[in-house]
């Protein structure tokens, strides 16, 4: 185990945060109105008394952005966590299905699945993770039957004050970042470098966002509005749910 050099973390973030910003803009630019409309509940639009095209467009676009950014940034944070762990424990990206990180500490092999936050999945998804842990342990013990293995679900933010889940441990927020780095305050230390050039990149994103809202609103009006400007709900529902 080595002491983590925070300068290495800052350098990694500054050199790689651009990947996150580029992916969120790229994903937004590729978004198609009719693709996202098919995934939304048209009855909810009506029930919420949405009367303008722009209200509907902003709602579905903002929902897509929120969900998509969580996924993109979660993947980015996973890379950061693996980088940090490699610096301290010589950890590595796992090649085992369902496992993101492997590392050794005090004669224990840790297998880690990394998620963004604590509420990442339902009961069936949790069961799948537990099954992946069991399969990984079996695979690792084929070469060393006495290997002591501990499974961990690491969450980059949030809290869970009962980490022992019997089949695995769940470390969230501060506990997770300390677990992979041996640094108690790492969860605070990484905040500052994450803001590197954030304003400039967000300005670029807002330009793409405005173009998307304008483009989608125009397309929605042309496809799902009557001549007098009223939303054609029957046409919209048929597009979304008709056989």
Protein backbone atom coordinates (compact mmCIF):
# COMPACT_ATOMS: atom_id res chain seq x y z
CA UNK A 1 0.00 0.00 0.00
CA UNK A 2 1.23 3.46 -0.90
CA UNK A 3 0.23 6.95 0.22
CA UNK A 4 -2.05 8.65 -2.29
CA UNK A 5 -0.62 11.77 -3.89
CA UNK A 6 -3.53 14.17 -4.35
CA UNK A 7 -1.64 15.91 -7.14
CA UNK A 8 -1.98 12.71 -9.18
CA UNK A 9 -5.73 12.76 -8.61
CA UNK A 10 -6.00 16.42 -9.61
CA UNK A 11 -3.97 15.81 -12.75
CA UNK A 12 -6.10 12.81 -13.72
CA UNK A 13 -9.33 14.78 -13.25
CA UNK A 14 -8.08 17.80 -15.18
CA UNK A 15 -6.86 15.61 -18.05
CA UNK A 16 -9.97 13.43 -18.25
CA UNK A 17 -12.99 15.52 -17.18
CA UNK A 18 -13.27 16.68 -20.80
CA UNK A 19 -14.40 13.15 -21.68
CA UNK A 20 -17.51 13.57 -19.54
CA UNK A 21 -18.39 16.96 -21.01
CA UNK A 22 -17.86 15.77 -24.58
CA UNK A 23 -20.00 12.67 -24.09
CA UNK A 24 -22.94 14.59 -22.61
CA UNK A 25 -22.91 17.02 -25.56
CA UNK A 26 -22.45 14.21 -28.09
CA UNK A 27 -25.33 12.25 -26.57
CA UNK A 28 -27.64 15.25 -26.65
CA UNK A 29 -26.77 16.02 -30.27
CA UNK A 30 -27.61 12.45 -31.29
CA UNK A 31 -30.97 12.42 -29.51
CA UNK A 32 -34.02 11.96 -31.76
CA UNK A 33 -37.41 13.36 -30.76
CA UNK A 34 -39.50 10.39 -31.89
CA UNK A 35 -37.15 7.97 -30.15
CA UNK A 36 -37.61 9.64 -26.78
CA UNK A 37 -41.35 10.25 -27.32
CA UNK A 38 -41.91 6.52 -27.70
CA UNK A 39 -40.41 5.98 -24.24
CA UNK A 40 -42.63 8.52 -22.45
CA UNK A 41 -46.19 8.28 -21.15
CA UNK A 42 -48.46 10.47 -23.33
CA UNK A 43 -51.30 10.15 -20.82
CA UNK A 44 -49.09 11.82 -18.23
CA UNK A 45 -48.58 14.80 -20.53
CA UNK A 46 -52.35 15.24 -20.72
CA UNK A 47 -52.91 14.62 -17.01
CA UNK A 48 -50.37 17.33 -16.15
CA UNK A 49 -52.27 19.75 -18.39
CA UNK A 50 -49.37 20.35 -20.74
CA UNK A 51 -50.82 22.67 -23.39
CA UNK A 52 -47.72 23.83 -25.27
CA UNK A 53 -45.25 21.91 -27.37
CA UNK A 54 -42.29 23.52 -25.63
CA UNK A 55 -43.53 22.37 -22.20
CA UNK A 56 -43.62 18.77 -23.38
CA UNK A 57 -40.31 19.05 -25.20
CA UNK A 58 -38.48 20.56 -22.23
CA UNK A 59 -39.95 17.92 -19.92
CA UNK A 60 -38.86 14.91 -21.96
CA UNK A 61 -35.50 16.42 -22.89
CA UNK A 62 -34.66 17.38 -19.30
CA UNK A 63 -35.65 13.89 -18.08
CA UNK A 64 -33.39 12.30 -20.70
CA UNK A 65 -30.49 14.59 -19.79
CA UNK A 66 -30.80 13.89 -16.07
CA UNK A 67 -30.83 10.12 -16.52
CA UNK A 68 -28.17 10.12 -19.21
CA UNK A 69 -25.76 12.35 -17.32
CA UNK A 70 -26.05 10.12 -14.25
CA UNK A 71 -24.96 7.16 -16.38
CA UNK A 72 -22.16 9.00 -18.18
CA UNK A 73 -20.74 10.54 -15.02
CA UNK A 74 -21.10 7.25 -13.15
CA UNK A 75 -18.91 5.57 -15.77
CA UNK A 76 -16.43 8.44 -15.51
CA UNK A 77 -16.26 8.17 -11.71
CA UNK A 78 -15.67 4.45 -12.02
CA UNK A 79 -12.54 5.22 -14.06
CA UNK A 80 -11.40 7.72 -11.43
CA UNK A 81 -11.93 5.20 -8.63
CA UNK A 82 -9.92 2.53 -10.44
CA UNK A 83 -7.12 5.03 -11.13
CA UNK A 84 -6.96 6.02 -7.45
CA UNK A 85 -7.02 2.44 -6.25
CA UNK A 86 -4.24 1.51 -8.65
CA UNK A 87 -2.06 4.26 -7.20
CA UNK A 88 -2.56 2.99 -3.63
CA UNK A 89 -3.18 -0.77 -3.84
CA UNK A 90 -2.12 -1.67 -7.40
CA UNK A 91 -5.77 -2.32 -8.15
CA UNK A 92 -6.94 -3.13 -11.65
CA UNK A 93 -10.00 -3.12 -13.86
CA UNK A 94 -11.46 -6.60 -13.47
CA UNK A 95 -11.95 -8.90 -16.42
CA UNK A 96 -14.67 -10.85 -14.61
CA UNK A 97 -18.27 -10.23 -15.71
CA UNK A 98 -20.11 -7.94 -13.30
CA UNK A 99 -16.95 -6.91 -11.44
CA UNK A 100 -15.38 -3.49 -11.99
CA UNK A 101 -12.35 -3.49 -9.70
CA UNK A 102 -10.05 -6.04 -8.07
CA UNK A 103 -7.33 -5.36 -5.52
CA UNK A 104 -5.47 -6.98 -2.63
CA UNK A 105 -5.04 -5.57 0.86
CA UNK A 106 -3.77 -7.42 3.94
CA UNK A 107 -4.15 -10.87 2.35
CA UNK A 108 -7.70 -10.18 1.21
CA UNK A 109 -8.82 -10.04 -2.44
CA UNK A 110 -11.53 -7.42 -2.83
CA UNK A 111 -13.91 -7.65 -5.76
CA UNK A 112 -15.86 -4.44 -6.28
CA UNK A 113 -18.89 -3.46 -8.29
CA UNK A 114 -19.07 0.34 -8.61
CA UNK A 115 -22.35 2.24 -8.86
CA UNK A 116 -23.12 5.97 -8.80
CA UNK A 117 -25.42 6.09 -5.77
CA UNK A 118 -26.97 3.77 -3.19
CA UNK A 119 -30.39 3.44 -4.85
CA UNK A 120 -29.11 2.07 -8.12
CA UNK A 121 -31.24 -1.04 -8.57
CA UNK A 122 -34.28 -3.10 -7.67
CA UNK A 123 -34.33 -6.46 -5.88
CA UNK A 124 -33.75 -8.50 -9.05
CA UNK A 125 -30.75 -6.35 -9.99
CA UNK A 126 -29.34 -6.79 -6.49
CA UNK A 127 -29.80 -10.56 -6.77
CA UNK A 128 -27.95 -10.45 -10.10
CA UNK A 129 -25.06 -8.59 -8.43
CA UNK A 130 -24.90 -11.18 -5.64
CA UNK A 131 -24.88 -13.94 -8.26
CA UNK A 132 -22.03 -12.18 -10.10
CA UNK A 133 -20.09 -11.98 -6.82
CA UNK A 134 -20.57 -15.72 -6.25
CA UNK A 135 -19.46 -16.55 -9.80
CA UNK A 136 -16.40 -14.29 -9.46
CA UNK A 137 -15.38 -15.92 -6.18
CA UNK A 138 -15.66 -19.37 -7.75
CA UNK A 139 -13.56 -18.31 -10.74
CA UNK A 140 -10.84 -16.74 -8.59
CA UNK A 141 -10.61 -19.78 -6.32
CA UNK A 142 -9.94 -22.14 -9.19
CA UNK A 143 -6.29 -21.04 -9.03
CA UNK A 144 -6.16 -20.56 -5.24
CA UNK A 145 -8.77 -22.42 -3.20
CA UNK A 146 -7.69 -20.70 0.02
CA UNK A 147 -8.00 -17.16 -1.34
CA UNK A 148 -9.86 -14.90 1.10
CA UNK A 149 -12.30 -12.87 -1.01
CA UNK A 150 -14.61 -10.07 0.07
CA UNK A 151 -17.26 -8.64 -2.25
CA UNK A 152 -18.09 -4.94 -2.13
CA UNK A 153 -20.75 -2.79 -3.74
CA UNK A 154 -19.13 0.65 -3.89
CA UNK A 155 -21.33 3.72 -4.38
CA UNK A 156 -19.71 7.03 -5.30
CA UNK A 157 -22.14 9.15 -3.30
CA UNK A 158 -24.80 8.79 -0.63
CA UNK A 159 -24.98 6.98 2.69
CA UNK A 160 -25.66 3.51 4.00
CA UNK A 161 -24.97 3.14 7.70
CA UNK A 162 -25.42 -0.64 7.66
CA UNK A 163 -22.70 -1.72 5.22
CA UNK A 164 -22.70 -5.42 6.12
CA UNK A 165 -25.24 -7.06 3.78
CA UNK A 166 -24.25 -10.66 4.67
CA UNK A 167 -23.29 -11.64 1.08
CA UNK A 168 -21.33 -8.46 0.49
CA UNK A 169 -20.46 -5.04 1.92
CA UNK A 170 -21.98 -1.82 0.67
CA UNK A 171 -19.78 1.25 1.05
CA UNK A 172 -21.27 4.60 0.02
CA UNK A 173 -19.89 8.12 -0.26
CA UNK A 174 -17.08 8.79 2.19
CA UNK A 175 -16.82 5.11 3.15
CA UNK A 176 -16.31 4.08 -0.48
CA UNK A 177 -13.63 6.63 -1.34
CA UNK A 178 -11.78 5.87 1.89
CA UNK A 179 -12.04 2.13 1.21
CA UNK A 180 -10.33 2.38 -2.19
CA UNK A 181 -7.74 4.99 -1.20
CA UNK A 182 -7.10 4.74 2.56
CA UNK A 183 -7.77 8.51 2.67
CA UNK A 184 -10.60 9.55 5.00
CA UNK A 185 -11.29 12.89 3.33
CA UNK A 186 -10.83 11.94 -0.32
CA UNK A 187 -14.57 12.34 -0.93
CA UNK A 188 -14.07 16.05 -0.20
CA UNK A 189 -10.70 16.43 -1.92
CA UNK A 190 -12.02 15.39 -5.34
CA UNK A 191 -14.70 18.11 -5.43
CA UNK A 192 -12.43 21.03 -6.36
CA UNK A 193 -10.70 19.56 -9.44
CA UNK A 194 -14.04 18.34 -10.81
CA UNK A 195 -14.96 21.97 -11.41
CA UNK A 196 -12.06 22.48 -13.80
CA UNK A 197 -13.34 24.41 -16.84
CA UNK A 198 -16.90 23.46 -15.82
CA UNK A 199 -18.37 26.85 -16.72
CA UNK A 200 -16.82 26.92 -20.19
CA UNK A 201 -17.92 23.38 -21.00
CA UNK A 202 -21.40 23.98 -19.61
CA UNK A 203 -21.75 27.02 -21.86
CA UNK A 204 -21.07 24.73 -24.83
CA UNK A 205 -23.66 22.30 -23.52
CA UNK A 206 -26.29 25.01 -23.10
CA UNK A 207 -25.84 26.02 -26.74
CA UNK A 208 -26.50 22.43 -27.82
CA UNK A 209 -29.43 22.25 -25.42
CA UNK A 210 -31.07 25.37 -26.86
CA UNK A 211 -30.67 24.05 -30.40
CA UNK A 212 -32.21 20.73 -29.38
CA UNK A 213 -35.22 22.36 -27.71
CA UNK A 214 -35.84 24.57 -30.75
CA UNK A 215 -35.41 21.70 -33.22
CA UNK A 216 -37.64 19.32 -31.26
CA UNK A 217 -40.34 21.96 -30.71
CA UNK A 218 -40.49 22.66 -34.45
CA UNK A 219 -40.64 18.95 -35.24
CA UNK A 220 -43.31 18.32 -32.59
CA UNK A 221 -45.51 21.13 -33.92
CA UNK A 222 -45.20 19.81 -37.46
CA UNK A 223 -45.97 16.22 -36.44
CA UNK A 224 -48.39 16.44 -33.52
CA UNK A 225 -50.22 19.77 -33.66
CA UNK A 226 -53.37 20.78 -35.50
CA UNK A 227 -53.54 23.69 -37.90
CA UNK A 228 -54.73 26.03 -35.12
CA UNK A 229 -51.72 25.10 -32.92
CA UNK A 230 -53.59 22.81 -30.52
CA UNK A 231 -51.83 19.54 -29.65
CA UNK A 232 -53.38 16.60 -31.48
CA UNK A 233 -53.52 14.21 -28.52
CA UNK A 234 -55.10 11.39 -30.49
CA UNK A 235 -52.29 11.48 -33.05
CA UNK A 236 -49.66 11.61 -30.31
CA UNK A 237 -51.14 8.64 -28.41
CA UNK A 238 -51.48 6.62 -31.63
CA UNK A 239 -47.81 7.28 -32.42
CA UNK A 240 -46.77 6.23 -28.92
CA UNK A 241 -49.09 3.30 -28.27
CA UNK A 242 -50.99 2.30 -31.40
CA UNK A 243 -50.47 -1.20 -32.76
